[in-house]
PDB file of N, CA and C in Angstrom:
ATOM      1  N   MET A   1       3.509  11.288 -76.039  1.00  0.00           N
ATOM      2  CA  MET A   1       2.484  11.162 -75.055  1.00  0.00           C
ATOM      3  C   MET A   1       2.591   9.836 -74.297  1.00  0.00           C
ATOM      4  N   GLU A   2       3.035   8.839 -74.982  1.00  0.00           N
ATOM      5  CA  GLU A   2       3.198   7.551 -74.318  1.00  0.00           C
ATOM      6  C   GLU A   2       4.267   7.620 -73.247  1.00  0.00           C
ATOM      7  N   VAL A   3       5.272   8.416 -73.462  1.00  0.00           N
ATOM      8  CA  VAL A   3       6.357   8.548 -72.492  1.00  0.00           C
ATOM      9  C   VAL A   3       5.816   9.143 -71.184  1.00  0.00           C
ATOM     10  N   LYS A   4       4.930  10.092 -71.298  1.00  0.00           N
ATOM     11  CA  LYS A   4       4.329  10.698 -70.106  1.00  0.00           C
ATOM     12  C   LYS A   4       3.552   9.658 -69.312  1.00  0.00           C
ATOM     13  N   TYR A   5       2.800   8.826 -70.020  1.00  0.00           N
ATOM     14  CA  TYR A   5       2.008   7.801 -69.343  1.00  0.00           C
ATOM     15  C   TYR A   5       2.915   6.782 -68.668  1.00  0.00           C
ATOM     16  N   ILE A   6       3.984   6.415 -69.348  1.00  0.00           N
ATOM     17  CA  ILE A   6       4.910   5.433 -68.788  1.00  0.00           C
ATOM     18  C   ILE A   6       5.571   6.000 -67.529  1.00  0.00           C
ATOM     19  N   GLU A   7       5.994   7.252 -67.563  1.00  0.00           N
ATOM     20  CA  GLU A   7       6.606   7.879 -66.386  1.00  0.00           C
ATOM     21  C   GLU A   7       5.598   7.992 -65.245  1.00  0.00           C
ATOM     22  N   THR A   8       4.377   8.311 -65.574  1.00  0.00           N
ATOM     23  CA  THR A   8       3.335   8.412 -64.555  1.00  0.00           C
ATOM     24  C   THR A   8       3.075   7.043 -63.933  1.00  0.00           C
ATOM     25  N   ILE A   9       3.047   6.011 -64.778  1.00  0.00           N
ATOM     26  CA  ILE A   9       2.818   4.649 -64.278  1.00  0.00           C
ATOM     27  C   ILE A   9       3.965   4.237 -63.363  1.00  0.00           C
ATOM     28  N   ARG A  10       5.216   4.508 -63.761  1.00  0.00           N
ATOM     29  CA  ARG A  10       6.376   4.167 -62.929  1.00  0.00           C
ATOM     30  C   ARG A  10       6.318   4.917 -61.586  1.00  0.00           C
ATOM     31  N   SER A  11       5.963   6.164 -61.652  1.00  0.00           N
ATOM     32  CA  SER A  11       5.859   6.957 -60.432  1.00  0.00           C
ATOM     33  C   SER A  11       4.781   6.388 -59.510  1.00  0.00           C
ATOM     34  N   LEU A  12       3.665   6.003 -60.092  1.00  0.00           N
ATOM     35  CA  LEU A  12       2.578   5.423 -59.289  1.00  0.00           C
ATOM     36  C   LEU A  12       2.986   4.068 -58.706  1.00  0.00           C
ATOM     37  N   GLU A  13       3.742   3.278 -59.468  1.00  0.00           N
ATOM     38  CA  GLU A  13       4.200   1.980 -58.969  1.00  0.00           C
ATOM     39  C   GLU A  13       5.167   2.163 -57.797  1.00  0.00           C
ATOM     40  N   LYS A  14       6.061   3.173 -57.906  1.00  0.00           N
ATOM     41  CA  LYS A  14       6.982   3.455 -56.800  1.00  0.00           C
ATOM     42  C   LYS A  14       6.203   3.896 -55.561  1.00  0.00           C
ATOM     43  N   ASP A  15       5.220   4.738 -55.767  1.00  0.00           N
ATOM     44  CA  ASP A  15       4.382   5.177 -54.644  1.00  0.00           C
ATOM     45  C   ASP A  15       3.652   3.992 -54.020  1.00  0.00           C
ATOM     46  N   LYS A  16       3.194   3.085 -54.874  1.00  0.00           N
ATOM     47  CA  LYS A  16       2.480   1.899 -54.408  1.00  0.00           C
ATOM     48  C   LYS A  16       3.416   1.029 -53.568  1.00  0.00           C
ATOM     49  N   GLU A  17       4.645   0.814 -54.035  1.00  0.00           N
ATOM     50  CA  GLU A  17       5.618   0.016 -53.285  1.00  0.00           C
ATOM     51  C   GLU A  17       5.935   0.670 -51.933  1.00  0.00           C
ATOM     52  N   TYR A  18       6.135   1.975 -51.967  1.00  0.00           N
ATOM     53  CA  TYR A  18       6.414   2.706 -50.728  1.00  0.00           C
ATOM     54  C   TYR A  18       5.249   2.556 -49.748  1.00  0.00           C
ATOM     55  N   ASN A  19       4.037   2.713 -50.274  1.00  0.00           N
ATOM     56  CA  ASN A  19       2.849   2.604 -49.419  1.00  0.00           C
ATOM     57  C   ASN A  19       2.697   1.188 -48.866  1.00  0.00           C
ATOM     58  N   LEU A  20       3.003   0.180 -49.686  1.00  0.00           N
ATOM     59  CA  LEU A  20       2.915  -1.204 -49.216  1.00  0.00           C
ATOM     60  C   LEU A  20       3.940  -1.475 -48.105  1.00  0.00           C
ATOM     61  N   ARG A  21       5.158  -0.965 -48.270  1.00  0.00           N
ATOM     62  CA  ARG A  21       6.174  -1.134 -47.225  1.00  0.00           C
ATOM     63  C   ARG A  21       5.737  -0.441 -45.927  1.00  0.00           C
ATOM     64  N   LYS A  22       5.188   0.742 -46.098  1.00  0.00           N
ATOM     65  CA  LYS A  22       4.710   1.493 -44.928  1.00  0.00           C
ATOM     66  C   LYS A  22       3.572   0.735 -44.235  1.00  0.00           C
ATOM     67  N   ILE A  23       2.664   0.176 -45.022  1.00  0.00           N
ATOM     68  CA  ILE A  23       1.546  -0.599 -44.463  1.00  0.00           C
ATOM     69  C   ILE A  23       2.079  -1.812 -43.718  1.00  0.00           C
ATOM     70  N   ASN A  24       3.062  -2.515 -44.302  1.00  0.00           N
ATOM     71  CA  ASN A  24       3.641  -3.690 -43.636  1.00  0.00           C
ATOM     72  C   ASN A  24       4.312  -3.304 -42.320  1.00  0.00           C
ATOM     73  N   LYS A  25       5.044  -2.197 -42.346  1.00  0.00           N
ATOM     74  CA  LYS A  25       5.716  -1.731 -41.136  1.00  0.00           C
ATOM     75  C   LYS A  25       4.696  -1.387 -40.050  1.00  0.00           C
ATOM     76  N   LEU A  26       3.646  -0.679 -40.427  1.00  0.00           N
ATOM     77  CA  LEU A  26       2.610  -0.314 -39.453  1.00  0.00           C
ATOM     78  C   LEU A  26       1.864  -1.544 -38.942  1.00  0.00           C
ATOM     79  N   THR A  27       1.645  -2.516 -39.816  1.00  0.00           N
ATOM     80  CA  THR A  27       0.983  -3.761 -39.408  1.00  0.00           C
ATOM     81  C   THR A  27       1.833  -4.486 -38.368  1.00  0.00           C
ATOM     82  N   ASN A  28       3.148  -4.536 -38.595  1.00  0.00           N
ATOM     83  CA  ASN A  28       4.046  -5.173 -37.624  1.00  0.00           C
ATOM     84  C   ASN A  28       4.026  -4.433 -36.286  1.00  0.00           C
ATOM     85  N   GLU A  29       3.996  -3.121 -36.341  1.00  0.00           N
ATOM     86  CA  GLU A  29       3.933  -2.341 -35.101  1.00  0.00           C
ATOM     87  C   GLU A  29       2.633  -2.601 -34.352  1.00  0.00           C
ATOM     88  N   VAL A  30       1.534  -2.714 -35.092  1.00  0.00           N
ATOM     89  CA  VAL A  30       0.238  -2.997 -34.459  1.00  0.00           C
ATOM     90  C   VAL A  30       0.271  -4.369 -33.797  1.00  0.00           C
ATOM     91  N   GLU A  31       0.864  -5.362 -34.480  1.00  0.00           N
ATOM     92  CA  GLU A  31       0.956  -6.705 -33.900  1.00  0.00           C
ATOM     93  C   GLU A  31       1.807  -6.693 -32.630  1.00  0.00           C
ATOM     94  N   THR A  32       2.913  -5.957 -32.666  1.00  0.00           N
ATOM     95  CA  THR A  32       3.777  -5.858 -31.488  1.00  0.00           C
ATOM     96  C   THR A  32       3.033  -5.192 -30.332  1.00  0.00           C
ATOM     97  N   LEU A  33       2.334  -4.124 -30.635  1.00  0.00           N
ATOM     98  CA  LEU A  33       1.566  -3.437 -29.593  1.00  0.00           C
ATOM     99  C   LEU A  33       0.460  -4.325 -29.033  1.00  0.00           C
ATOM    100  N   GLN A  34      -0.153  -5.126 -29.890  1.00  0.00           N
ATOM    101  CA  GLN A  34      -1.209  -6.039 -29.427  1.00  0.00           C
ATOM    102  C   GLN A  34      -0.623  -7.083 -28.475  1.00  0.00           C
ATOM    103  N   GLU A  35       0.566  -7.607 -28.816  1.00  0.00           N
ATOM    104  CA  GLU A  35       1.217  -8.578 -27.929  1.00  0.00           C
ATOM    105  C   GLU A  35       1.569  -7.936 -26.586  1.00  0.00           C
ATOM    106  N   GLU A  36       2.099  -6.725 -26.637  1.00  0.00           N
ATOM    107  CA  GLU A  36       2.424  -6.021 -25.392  1.00  0.00           C
ATOM    108  C   GLU A  36       1.173  -5.748 -24.572  1.00  0.00           C
ATOM    109  N   LYS A  37       0.083  -5.411 -25.250  1.00  0.00           N
ATOM    110  CA  LYS A  37      -1.183  -5.159 -24.554  1.00  0.00           C
ATOM    111  C   LYS A  37      -1.665  -6.429 -23.866  1.00  0.00           C
ATOM    112  N   ASP A  38      -1.527  -7.575 -24.541  1.00  0.00           N
ATOM    113  CA  ASP A  38      -1.945  -8.839 -23.940  1.00  0.00           C
ATOM    114  C   ASP A  38      -1.131  -9.137 -22.678  1.00  0.00           C
ATOM    115  N   VAL A  39       0.177  -8.860 -22.738  1.00  0.00           N
ATOM    116  CA  VAL A  39       1.026  -9.084 -21.565  1.00  0.00           C
ATOM    117  C   VAL A  39       0.594  -8.167 -20.421  1.00  0.00           C
ATOM    118  N   VAL A  40       0.359  -6.909 -20.735  1.00  0.00           N
ATOM    119  CA  VAL A  40      -0.052  -5.941 -19.708  1.00  0.00           C
ATOM    120  C   VAL A  40      -1.421  -6.316 -19.145  1.00  0.00           C
ATOM    121  N   ASP A  41      -2.333  -6.770 -19.997  1.00  0.00           N
ATOM    122  CA  ASP A  41      -3.653  -7.188 -19.517  1.00  0.00           C
ATOM    123  C   ASP A  41      -3.532  -8.366 -18.553  1.00  0.00           C
ATOM    124  N   GLY A  42      -2.626  -9.305 -18.865  1.00  0.00           N
ATOM    125  CA  GLY A  42      -2.407 -10.440 -17.964  1.00  0.00           C
ATOM    126  C   GLY A  42      -1.875  -9.992 -16.620  1.00  0.00           C
ATOM    127  N   LYS A  43      -0.910  -9.075 -16.653  1.00  0.00           N
ATOM    128  CA  LYS A  43      -0.358  -8.552 -15.397  1.00  0.00           C
ATOM    129  C   LYS A  43      -1.418  -7.803 -14.606  1.00  0.00           C
ATOM    130  N   LEU A  44      -2.234  -7.028 -15.309  1.00  0.00           N
ATOM    131  CA  LEU A  44      -3.297  -6.275 -14.643  1.00  0.00           C
ATOM    132  C   LEU A  44      -4.295  -7.221 -13.981  1.00  0.00           C
ATOM    133  N   ALA A  45      -4.646  -8.298 -14.679  1.00  0.00           N
ATOM    134  CA  ALA A  45      -5.587  -9.265 -14.107  1.00  0.00           C
ATOM    135  C   ALA A  45      -5.007  -9.893 -12.840  1.00  0.00           C
ATOM    136  N   ARG A  46      -3.709 -10.234 -12.863  1.00  0.00           N
ATOM    137  CA  ARG A  46      -3.078 -10.810 -11.672  1.00  0.00           C
ATOM    138  C   ARG A  46      -3.028  -9.800 -10.534  1.00  0.00           C
ATOM    139  N   LEU A  47      -2.752  -8.537 -10.866  1.00  0.00           N
ATOM    140  CA  LEU A  47      -2.721  -7.505  -9.824  1.00  0.00           C
ATOM    141  C   LEU A  47      -4.098  -7.293  -9.203  1.00  0.00           C
ATOM    142  N   ILE A  48      -5.126  -7.307 -10.026  1.00  0.00           N
ATOM    143  CA  ILE A  48      -6.491  -7.137  -9.509  1.00  0.00           C
ATOM    144  C   ILE A  48      -6.849  -8.297  -8.592  1.00  0.00           C
ATOM    145  N   LYS A  49      -6.466  -9.519  -8.985  1.00  0.00           N
ATOM    146  CA  LYS A  49      -6.745 -10.685  -8.148  1.00  0.00           C
ATOM    147  C   LYS A  49      -5.986 -10.578  -6.825  1.00  0.00           C
ATOM    148  N   SER A  50      -4.730 -10.159  -6.899  1.00  0.00           N
ATOM    149  CA  SER A  50      -3.937  -9.992  -5.675  1.00  0.00           C
ATOM    150  C   SER A  50      -4.535  -8.913  -4.782  1.00  0.00           C
ATOM    151  N   LEU A  51      -5.017  -7.840  -5.387  1.00  0.00           N
ATOM    152  CA  LEU A  51      -5.640  -6.762  -4.623  1.00  0.00           C
ATOM    153  C   LEU A  51      -6.881  -7.268  -3.897  1.00  0.00           C
ATOM    154  N   LYS A  52      -7.696  -8.060  -4.588  1.00  0.00           N
ATOM    155  CA  LYS A  52      -8.893  -8.611  -3.943  1.00  0.00           C
ATOM    156  C   LYS A  52      -8.506  -9.534  -2.797  1.00  0.00           C
ATOM    157  N   ASP A  53      -7.449 -10.348  -3.001  1.00  0.00           N
ATOM    158  CA  ASP A  53      -6.991 -11.230  -1.932  1.00  0.00           C
ATOM    159  C   ASP A  53      -6.519 -10.420  -0.722  1.00  0.00           C
ATOM    160  N   LEU A  54      -5.770  -9.348  -0.974  1.00  0.00           N
ATOM    161  CA  LEU A  54      -5.306  -8.501   0.128  1.00  0.00           C
ATOM    162  C   LEU A  54      -6.470  -7.836   0.851  1.00  0.00           C
ATOM    163  N   GLU A  55      -7.457  -7.376   0.098  1.00  0.00           N
ATOM    164  CA  GLU A  55      -8.626  -6.763   0.728  1.00  0.00           C
ATOM    165  C   GLU A  55      -9.365  -7.777   1.587  1.00  0.00           C
ATOM    166  N   ASP A  56      -9.460  -9.026   1.118  1.00  0.00           N
ATOM    167  CA  ASP A  56     -10.110 -10.069   1.909  1.00  0.00           C
ATOM    168  C   ASP A  56      -9.335 -10.339   3.195  1.00  0.00           C
ATOM    169  N   ILE A  57      -8.009 -10.378   3.094  1.00  0.00           N
ATOM    170  CA  ILE A  57      -7.187 -10.618   4.281  1.00  0.00           C
ATOM    171  C   ILE A  57      -7.345  -9.474   5.277  1.00  0.00           C
ATOM    172  N   ILE A  58      -7.311  -8.250   4.785  1.00  0.00           N
ATOM    173  CA  ILE A  58      -7.459  -7.088   5.669  1.00  0.00           C
ATOM    174  C   ILE A  58      -8.834  -7.100   6.332  1.00  0.00           C
ATOM    175  N   GLU A  59      -9.852  -7.413   5.562  1.00  0.00           N
ATOM    176  CA  GLU A  59     -11.211  -7.452   6.119  1.00  0.00           C
ATOM    177  C   GLU A  59     -11.331  -8.543   7.175  1.00  0.00           C
ATOM    178  N   SER A  60     -10.746  -9.717   6.930  1.00  0.00           N
ATOM    179  CA  SER A  60     -10.821 -10.788   7.923  1.00  0.00           C
ATOM    180  C   SER A  60     -10.049 -10.407   9.184  1.00  0.00           C
ATOM    181  N   ASP A  61      -8.931  -9.686   9.032  1.00  0.00           N
ATOM    182  CA  ASP A  61      -8.201  -9.213  10.208  1.00  0.00           C
ATOM    183  C   ASP A  61      -9.039  -8.213  10.998  1.00  0.00           C
ATOM    184  N   ARG A  62      -9.726  -7.346  10.302  1.00  0.00           N
ATOM    185  CA  ARG A  62     -10.586  -6.370  10.986  1.00  0.00           C
ATOM    186  C   ARG A  62     -11.699  -7.077  11.746  1.00  0.00           C
ATOM    187  N   LEU A  63     -12.291  -8.088  11.124  1.00  0.00           N
ATOM    188  CA  LEU A  63     -13.361  -8.819  11.794  1.00  0.00           C
ATOM    189  C   LEU A  63     -12.821  -9.587  12.990  1.00  0.00           C
ATOM    190  N   ALA A  64     -11.614 -10.090  12.895  1.00  0.00           N
ATOM    191  CA  ALA A  64     -11.019 -10.835  14.003  1.00  0.00           C
ATOM    192  C   ALA A  64     -10.666  -9.906  15.161  1.00  0.00           C
ATOM    193  N   GLU A  65     -10.328  -8.670  14.888  1.00  0.00           N
ATOM    194  CA  GLU A  65      -9.946  -7.731  15.939  1.00  0.00           C
ATOM    195  C   GLU A  65     -11.150  -7.128  16.650  1.00  0.00           C
ATOM    196  N   ARG A  66     -12.256  -7.030  16.011  1.00  0.00           N
ATOM    197  CA  ARG A  66     -13.416  -6.343  16.593  1.00  0.00           C
ATOM    198  C   ARG A  66     -13.870  -6.925  17.927  1.00  0.00           C
ATOM    199  N   PRO A  67     -14.005  -8.241  18.077  1.00  0.00           N
ATOM    200  CA  PRO A  67     -14.473  -8.736  19.379  1.00  0.00           C
ATOM    201  C   PRO A  67     -13.532  -8.371  20.525  1.00  0.00           C
ATOM    202  N   THR A  68     -12.241  -8.330  20.298  1.00  0.00           N
ATOM    203  CA  THR A  68     -11.326  -8.018  21.394  1.00  0.00           C
ATOM    204  C   THR A  68     -11.338  -6.536  21.728  1.00  0.00           C
ATOM    205  N   THR A  69     -11.534  -5.690  20.744  1.00  0.00           N
ATOM    206  CA  THR A  69     -11.510  -4.257  21.030  1.00  0.00           C
ATOM    207  C   THR A  69     -12.834  -3.776  21.598  1.00  0.00           C
ATOM    208  N   ASN A  70     -13.908  -4.494  21.358  1.00  0.00           N
ATOM    209  CA  ASN A  70     -15.212  -4.058  21.852  1.00  0.00           C
ATOM    210  C   ASN A  70     -15.441  -4.470  23.303  1.00  0.00           C
ATOM    211  N   LYS A  71     -14.601  -5.323  23.843  1.00  0.00           N
ATOM    212  CA  LYS A  71     -14.769  -5.753  25.225  1.00  0.00           C
ATOM    213  C   LYS A  71     -14.182  -4.690  26.143  1.00  0.00           C
ATOM    214  N   ALA A  72     -15.061  -4.028  26.849  1.00  0.00           N
ATOM    215  CA  ALA A  72     -14.614  -3.002  27.784  1.00  0.00           C
ATOM    216  C   ALA A  72     -14.868  -3.509  29.194  1.00  0.00           C
ATOM    217  N   LYS A  73     -13.920  -3.336  30.061  1.00  0.00           N
ATOM    218  CA  LYS A  73     -14.070  -3.781  31.437  1.00  0.00           C
ATOM    219  C   LYS A  73     -14.477  -2.576  32.279  1.00  0.00           C
ATOM    220  N   PHE A  74     -15.649  -2.688  32.840  1.00  0.00           N
ATOM    221  CA  PHE A  74     -16.154  -1.609  33.669  1.00  0.00           C
ATOM    222  C   PHE A  74     -15.932  -1.972  35.137  1.00  0.00           C
ATOM    223  N   VAL A  75     -15.446  -1.024  35.896  1.00  0.00           N
ATOM    224  CA  VAL A  75     -15.160  -1.246  37.307  1.00  0.00           C
ATOM    225  C   VAL A  75     -16.113  -0.384  38.112  1.00  0.00           C
ATOM    226  N   LYS A  76     -16.744  -1.010  39.071  1.00  0.00           N
ATOM    227  CA  LYS A  76     -17.652  -0.261  39.936  1.00  0.00           C
ATOM    228  C   LYS A  76     -16.836   0.584  40.905  1.00  0.00           C
ATOM    229  N   ALA A  77     -17.468   1.584  41.443  1.00  0.00           N
ATOM    230  CA  ALA A  77     -16.771   2.505  42.340  1.00  0.00           C
ATOM    231  C   ALA A  77     -16.268   1.789  43.583  1.00  0.00           C
ATOM    232  N   ALA A  78     -16.983   0.791  44.085  1.00  0.00           N
ATOM    233  CA  ALA A  78     -16.591   0.083  45.296  1.00  0.00           C
ATOM    234  C   ALA A  78     -15.382  -0.809  45.043  1.00  0.00           C
ATOM    235  N   GLU A  79     -15.155  -1.243  43.816  1.00  0.00           N
ATOM    236  CA  GLU A  79     -14.062  -2.161  43.511  1.00  0.00           C
ATOM    237  C   GLU A  79     -12.740  -1.440  43.257  1.00  0.00           C
ATOM    238  N   ARG A  80     -12.777  -0.149  43.111  1.00  0.00           N
ATOM    239  CA  ARG A  80     -11.548   0.591  42.820  1.00  0.00           C
ATOM    240  C   ARG A  80     -10.647   0.598  44.045  1.00  0.00           C
ATOM    241  N   PRO A  81      -9.379   0.411  43.843  1.00  0.00           N
ATOM    242  CA  PRO A  81      -8.477   0.473  45.002  1.00  0.00           C
ATOM    243  C   PRO A  81      -8.330   1.919  45.463  1.00  0.00           C
ATOM    244  N   THR A  82      -8.397   2.079  46.764  1.00  0.00           N
ATOM    245  CA  THR A  82      -8.261   3.429  47.322  1.00  0.00           C
ATOM    246  C   THR A  82      -6.969   3.490  48.116  1.00  0.00           C
ATOM    247  N   THR A  83      -6.411   4.632  48.187  1.00  0.00           N
ATOM    248  CA  THR A  83      -5.188   4.808  48.980  1.00  0.00           C
ATOM    249  C   THR A  83      -5.547   5.582  50.238  1.00  0.00           C
ATOM    250  N   ASP A  84      -4.956   5.164  51.306  1.00  0.00           N
ATOM    251  CA  ASP A  84      -5.187   5.832  52.577  1.00  0.00           C
ATOM    252  C   ASP A  84      -4.189   6.969  52.687  1.00  0.00           C
ATOM    253  N   LYS A  85      -4.692   8.163  52.819  1.00  0.00           N
ATOM    254  CA  LYS A  85      -3.820   9.330  52.842  1.00  0.00           C
ATOM    255  C   LYS A  85      -2.969   9.371  54.105  1.00  0.00           C
ATOM    256  N   VAL A  86      -3.424   8.739  55.151  1.00  0.00           N
ATOM    257  CA  VAL A  86      -2.669   8.734  56.396  1.00  0.00           C
ATOM    258  C   VAL A  86      -1.393   7.920  56.221  1.00  0.00           C
ATOM    259  N   GLU A  87      -1.463   6.818  55.483  1.00  0.00           N
ATOM    260  CA  GLU A  87      -0.305   5.956  55.302  1.00  0.00           C
ATOM    261  C   GLU A  87       0.754   6.607  54.425  1.00  0.00           C
ATOM    262  N   THR A  88       0.365   7.496  53.564  1.00  0.00           N
ATOM    263  CA  THR A  88       1.318   8.075  52.629  1.00  0.00           C
ATOM    264  C   THR A  88       2.006   9.322  53.163  1.00  0.00           C
ATOM    265  N   ILE A  89       1.687   9.724  54.371  1.00  0.00           N
ATOM    266  CA  ILE A  89       2.319  10.912  54.942  1.00  0.00           C
ATOM    267  C   ILE A  89       3.768  10.580  55.270  1.00  0.00           C
ATOM    268  N   LYS A  90       4.678  11.465  54.881  1.00  0.00           N
ATOM    269  CA  LYS A  90       6.099  11.242  55.144  1.00  0.00           C
ATOM    270  C   LYS A  90       6.405  11.566  56.606  1.00  0.00           C
ATOM    271  N   LYS A  91       7.340  10.804  57.114  1.00  0.00           N
ATOM    272  CA  LYS A  91       7.766  11.048  58.491  1.00  0.00           C
ATOM    273  C   LYS A  91       8.722  12.226  58.492  1.00  0.00           C
ATOM    274  N   PRO A  92       8.706  12.983  59.516  1.00  0.00           N
ATOM    275  CA  PRO A  92       9.574  14.169  59.543  1.00  0.00           C
ATOM    276  C   PRO A  92      11.048  13.778  59.544  1.00  0.00           C
ATOM    277  N   ALA A  93      11.841  14.563  58.895  1.00  0.00           N
ATOM    278  CA  ALA A  93      13.273  14.295  58.764  1.00  0.00           C
ATOM    279  C   ALA A  93      14.016  14.538  60.071  1.00  0.00           C
ATOM    280  N   VAL A  94      13.456  15.318  60.957  1.00  0.00           N
ATOM    281  CA  VAL A  94      14.118  15.636  62.219  1.00  0.00           C
ATOM    282  C   VAL A  94      14.267  14.385  63.069  1.00  0.00           C
ATOM    283  N   ARG A  95      13.279  13.535  63.074  1.00  0.00           N
ATOM    284  CA  ARG A  95      13.322  12.320  63.875  1.00  0.00           C
ATOM    285  C   ARG A  95      14.467  11.438  63.409  1.00  0.00           C
ATOM    286  N   TYR A  96      14.635  11.297  62.114  1.00  0.00           N
ATOM    287  CA  TYR A  96      15.720  10.476  61.582  1.00  0.00           C
ATOM    288  C   TYR A  96      17.070  11.101  61.898  1.00  0.00           C
ATOM    289  N   ALA A  97      17.135  12.384  61.872  1.00  0.00           N
ATOM    290  CA  ALA A  97      18.392  13.054  62.207  1.00  0.00           C
ATOM    291  C   ALA A  97      18.776  12.778  63.654  1.00  0.00           C
ATOM    292  N   GLU A  98      17.796  12.725  64.543  1.00  0.00           N
ATOM    293  CA  GLU A  98      18.068  12.428  65.943  1.00  0.00           C
ATOM    294  C   GLU A  98      18.526  10.992  66.119  1.00  0.00           C
ATOM    295  N   MET A  99      17.987  10.075  65.333  1.00  0.00           N
ATOM    296  CA  MET A  99      18.343   8.663  65.463  1.00  0.00           C
ATOM    297  C   MET A  99      19.788   8.415  65.059  1.00  0.00           C
ATOM    298  N   TYR A 100      20.234   9.082  64.059  1.00  0.00           N
ATOM    299  CA  TYR A 100      21.565   8.815  63.521  1.00  0.00           C
ATOM    300  C   TYR A 100      22.622   9.798  64.017  1.00  0.00           C
ATOM    301  N   ARG A 101      22.302  10.561  64.979  1.00  0.00           N
ATOM    302  CA  ARG A 101      23.251  11.521  65.531  1.00  0.00           C
ATOM    303  C   ARG A 101      24.297  10.753  66.344  1.00  0.00           C
ATOM    304  N   ARG A 102      25.527  11.166  66.210  1.00  0.00           N
ATOM    305  CA  ARG A 102      26.599  10.524  66.966  1.00  0.00           C
ATOM    306  C   ARG A 102      26.551  11.011  68.425  1.00  0.00           C
ATOM    307  N   THR A 103      26.517  10.058  69.269  1.00  0.00           N
ATOM    308  CA  THR A 103      26.459  10.429  70.682  1.00  0.00           C
ATOM    309  C   THR A 103      27.839  10.504  71.315  1.00  0.00           C
ATOM    310  N   SER A 104      28.823   9.887  70.704  1.00  0.00           N
ATOM    311  CA  SER A 104      30.173   9.879  71.295  1.00  0.00           C
ATOM    312  C   SER A 104      31.013  11.006  70.712  1.00  0.00           C
ATOM    313  N   LYS A 105      30.854  12.139  71.283  1.00  0.00           N
ATOM    314  CA  LYS A 105      31.634  13.294  70.845  1.00  0.00           C
ATOM    315  C   LYS A 105      32.551  13.734  71.909  1.00  0.00           C
TER     316      LYS A 105
END
């Protein structure tokens, strides 16, 4: 009967060692993941700050553009340039043909 107890104790000790190694391995993985999380959190914080800076720049550009785009120039009807239809009439081509006709034939 003592042999059974001794074998059971040895088996339990081996299981205990295996479990301790597994716990150590998992603890190391958790520490590594925590370090990686800290790095990612730092990068995220910098990205958020950069995003806010970009939003501020875009907003200031929008505010700077508004006064120039809101200025509309209105022209009264009397100030508009008008074209005289009489001046734009083309001269007949026959007159020019007569001018450039060779007379020495």
